[in-house]
Amino acid sequence: VAPSLSFCELALDKWRMVLALREAGLGAPATWLASDASECTYPAIIKPRQGRGSRGFAPLDGPTDLARYLAAANKPADEYIVQERLSGVEYTTSVVVGLGGPYMATVPKEVKVKKGITQVGVTRVVPAVETLCRGIQERLHADGPFNVQLFVERDGLPRVIEVNPRYSTTVALTLAAGINEVEVVLRHALGEKVEPLSFRADLMMVRYSAQVYVPESEWTFDDLRVPAAKGQP
């Protein structure tokens, strides 16, 4: 279950996606290739053209930071992009689109705490975000489910920082709020009728880890193993 191949290829190259968003008038932030960023404005951020989970992300406060980053990089400068540093409210957004193109829903989730992935998020109703995400489907033809990470700035307009051709890592929050993203796309693909979708707003998800304490004599690392299926070692 994924968007079209052409959309996946576009989204997996952040520079190409920025150019496509810019051409379509869909909320692209000011962005430069790191190899041609002499006129970029600061503060800014830098990240690889291809990557995920904030890998390779770094803040830039001036040209010295950019030069230092590129000197330590293991790829050519044109494999990185520099973007204006946004400071509004961050959202990770599930865009539910059936295979072949029918738009079904947008579920914006405000990012409260983020460590690589969203740790604390809250579902919100944000009409400007829905308009943007619907526009991405209409203009760039994802034709399958995707995720948009963005900031809504003080002017109320959303700026896209990432478009991921996959389900969001916050899919569990979308489900808890009332939309089973995977199920509705599969039902549509099977020819079933899907009723208009709605979700519960202002629902918070909190991810956390927990420690377990047991006497060493009672513990074995076999406790961590997943039981093998019948007929397998």
Foldseek 3Di string as FASTA:
>chain_A
DWFDPVVQVQQQQQVSVLVLCVVLVQFAFDKDQLVPCPPPDPQKWKAFRGDALCVRIDTRGDPVVSVVSCVPDPDHSRRMMIGYDADAWKWKKKWQAAAQADGADIWTWTQPDDRSARQKIFTADQVLVGVSVVSCCVRVPRNGIWMWIWGQHPVRHIHTDHIHGDGGPCCVVQVVFPDNRVVVNVCVVVVHDDDHDDGHGGDMHHHDDDDDDDPPVPDDCVVVDDDDDPPDD
